[in-house]
Protein backbone atom coordinates (compact mmCIF):
# COMPACT_ATOMS: atom_id res chain seq x y z
CA UNK A 1 215.37 80.64 -84.72
CA UNK A 2 212.75 81.44 -82.12
CA UNK A 3 212.93 84.35 -79.68
CA UNK A 4 210.56 83.07 -76.98
CA UNK A 5 213.20 82.86 -74.25
CA UNK A 6 215.64 80.02 -73.80
CA UNK A 7 214.62 76.48 -74.56
CA UNK A 8 215.28 74.22 -71.57
CA UNK A 9 216.85 70.93 -72.69
CA UNK A 10 216.91 68.09 -70.16
CA UNK A 11 219.55 65.62 -71.29
CA UNK A 12 219.77 62.06 -70.04
CA UNK A 13 218.17 58.69 -69.62
CA UNK A 14 215.39 58.68 -67.00
CA UNK A 15 215.76 54.89 -66.67
CA UNK A 16 219.34 55.12 -65.37
CA UNK A 17 218.76 56.73 -61.97
CA UNK A 18 220.80 59.97 -61.65
CA UNK A 19 221.37 60.12 -65.41
CA UNK A 20 217.72 61.21 -65.53
CA UNK A 21 218.35 64.48 -63.67
CA UNK A 22 218.22 66.56 -66.88
CA UNK A 23 214.78 65.31 -67.92
CA UNK A 24 213.61 65.62 -64.29
CA UNK A 25 214.59 69.32 -64.09
CA UNK A 26 213.11 70.01 -67.53
CA UNK A 27 209.85 68.33 -66.52
CA UNK A 28 209.56 70.42 -63.35
CA UNK A 29 210.21 73.62 -65.35
CA UNK A 30 207.70 72.52 -67.98
CA UNK A 31 205.09 72.33 -65.20
CA UNK A 32 205.86 76.01 -64.56
CA UNK A 33 205.28 77.00 -68.17
CA UNK A 34 208.82 76.96 -69.55
CA UNK A 35 209.49 75.70 -73.07
CA UNK A 36 211.22 72.36 -72.63
CA UNK A 37 212.41 69.33 -74.49
CA UNK A 38 214.00 66.15 -73.20
CA UNK A 39 216.87 64.67 -75.12
CA UNK A 40 218.96 61.50 -74.89
CA UNK A 41 222.12 63.47 -75.58
CA UNK A 42 223.27 62.42 -79.04
CA UNK A 43 225.46 65.19 -80.40
CA UNK A 44 223.93 65.54 -83.84
CA UNK A 45 220.46 65.97 -82.35
CA UNK A 46 221.79 68.64 -79.99
CA UNK A 47 223.42 70.47 -82.89
CA UNK A 48 220.04 70.50 -84.65
CA UNK A 49 218.59 72.27 -81.60
CA UNK A 50 221.42 74.83 -81.72
CA UNK A 51 220.39 75.74 -85.27
CA UNK A 52 216.70 76.15 -84.40
CA UNK A 53 216.85 78.17 -81.16
CA UNK A 54 218.51 81.46 -80.33
CA UNK A 55 219.11 80.55 -76.69
CA UNK A 56 219.24 77.25 -74.83
CA UNK A 57 219.81 76.02 -71.30
CA UNK A 58 221.12 72.45 -71.22
CA UNK A 59 220.93 70.30 -68.08
CA UNK A 60 222.78 67.00 -67.79
CA UNK A 61 224.31 64.66 -65.22
CA UNK A 62 228.05 64.84 -64.70
CA UNK A 63 230.52 62.25 -63.44
CA UNK A 64 233.76 63.79 -62.17
CA UNK A 65 234.30 62.29 -58.73
CA UNK A 66 232.81 65.29 -56.91
CA UNK A 67 230.15 64.85 -54.25
CA UNK A 68 226.81 63.76 -55.76
CA UNK A 69 224.54 66.76 -56.16
CA UNK A 70 227.38 69.19 -56.93
CA UNK A 71 226.11 71.78 -59.42
CA UNK A 72 228.39 73.18 -62.11
CA UNK A 73 227.52 75.98 -64.52
CA UNK A 74 229.13 76.86 -67.83
CA UNK A 75 228.53 79.68 -70.25
CA UNK A 76 229.28 77.54 -73.30
CA UNK A 77 229.59 80.62 -75.51
CA UNK A 78 232.37 82.08 -73.37
CA UNK A 79 234.18 78.89 -72.34
CA UNK A 80 234.91 75.40 -73.58
CA UNK A 81 233.07 72.52 -71.96
CA UNK A 82 235.27 70.00 -70.18
CA UNK A 83 234.44 66.77 -72.04
CA UNK A 84 235.48 64.67 -69.05
CA UNK A 85 232.47 65.95 -67.05
CA UNK A 86 229.82 64.96 -69.57
CA UNK A 87 231.15 61.56 -70.60
CA UNK A 88 228.66 59.24 -68.95
CA UNK A 89 226.59 59.11 -72.11
CA UNK A 90 226.15 55.97 -74.16
CA UNK A 91 226.86 58.23 -77.14
CA UNK A 92 230.44 58.74 -78.23
CA UNK A 93 229.42 62.09 -79.71
CA UNK A 94 227.59 63.70 -76.81
CA UNK A 95 227.00 67.09 -75.23
CA UNK A 96 230.55 68.40 -74.93
CA UNK A 97 231.51 67.16 -78.39
CA UNK A 98 228.40 68.72 -79.92
CA UNK A 99 229.10 72.10 -78.33
CA UNK A 100 232.74 72.14 -79.35
CA UNK A 101 232.01 70.95 -82.90
CA UNK A 102 229.35 73.65 -83.27
CA UNK A 103 231.85 76.21 -81.91
CA UNK A 104 234.43 75.14 -84.50
CA UNK A 105 231.84 75.36 -87.28
CA UNK A 106 230.56 78.75 -86.09
CA UNK A 107 227.13 77.26 -85.39
CA UNK A 108 226.59 77.96 -81.69
CA UNK A 109 223.36 79.74 -80.80
CA UNK A 110 223.49 83.24 -79.30
CA UNK A 111 223.07 81.94 -75.76
CA UNK A 112 224.07 78.53 -74.42
CA UNK A 113 224.20 77.83 -70.69
CA UNK A 114 225.03 74.32 -69.49
CA UNK A 115 224.27 73.03 -66.01
CA UNK A 116 225.70 69.78 -64.74
CA UNK A 117 224.56 67.97 -61.61
CA UNK A 118 227.01 65.40 -60.32
CA UNK A 119 225.41 61.98 -60.24
CA UNK A 120 226.17 59.19 -57.85
CA UNK A 121 224.02 56.29 -59.06
CA UNK A 122 223.75 55.41 -62.74
CA UNK A 123 222.29 51.93 -62.33
CA UNK A 124 218.96 50.91 -63.81
CA UNK A 125 216.13 52.69 -62.04
CA UNK A 126 213.83 55.68 -62.29
CA UNK A 127 214.53 57.43 -58.98
CA UNK A 128 217.12 60.13 -58.41
CA UNK A 129 219.39 59.70 -55.40
CA UNK A 130 218.54 62.07 -52.51
CA UNK A 131 221.47 64.48 -53.01
CA UNK A 132 220.84 64.70 -56.76
CA UNK A 133 217.10 65.26 -56.22
CA UNK A 134 217.88 68.08 -53.77
CA UNK A 135 220.30 69.75 -56.21
CA UNK A 136 217.75 69.37 -59.00
CA UNK A 137 215.15 71.13 -56.85
CA UNK A 138 217.56 73.99 -56.17
CA UNK A 139 218.29 74.36 -59.88
CA UNK A 140 214.58 74.38 -60.71
CA UNK A 141 214.05 77.17 -58.17
CA UNK A 142 216.99 79.20 -59.52
CA UNK A 143 215.97 78.85 -63.15
CA UNK A 144 212.31 79.58 -62.40
CA UNK A 145 213.36 82.75 -60.58
CA UNK A 146 215.55 83.79 -63.53
CA UNK A 147 218.68 83.71 -61.36
CA UNK A 148 220.61 81.04 -63.21
CA UNK A 149 220.04 81.64 -66.91
């Protein structure tokens, strides 16, 4: 495991509009010098990251019926992730399943924060909707200032 601060993982598909919010946030933080990786969200790949890094911050789109742009935060070490929030993946074994499987196997990293931004548009496209883009900008500012990790 590395000890260079948390790895920022932007999860999602940047060609499905708001589903690309994770990679968007990661990219903006990468421009500021943070260690980042983008990820499509398959659970086994996420579990590999858990084994290799002491601390991670995961960012993904959510779909719960809340207002687009709503930000949710979870300390995945202290609490279970609600699978119904992170279900818009094309993967049946996605973020929530990876975290909970790793928890069961005793393979969670030392630090694991998860941020979800409620999406509104998951159609084909590369642009974030205005409310999601605004929330993404706020999260970038918070993480860059060290206030959200």
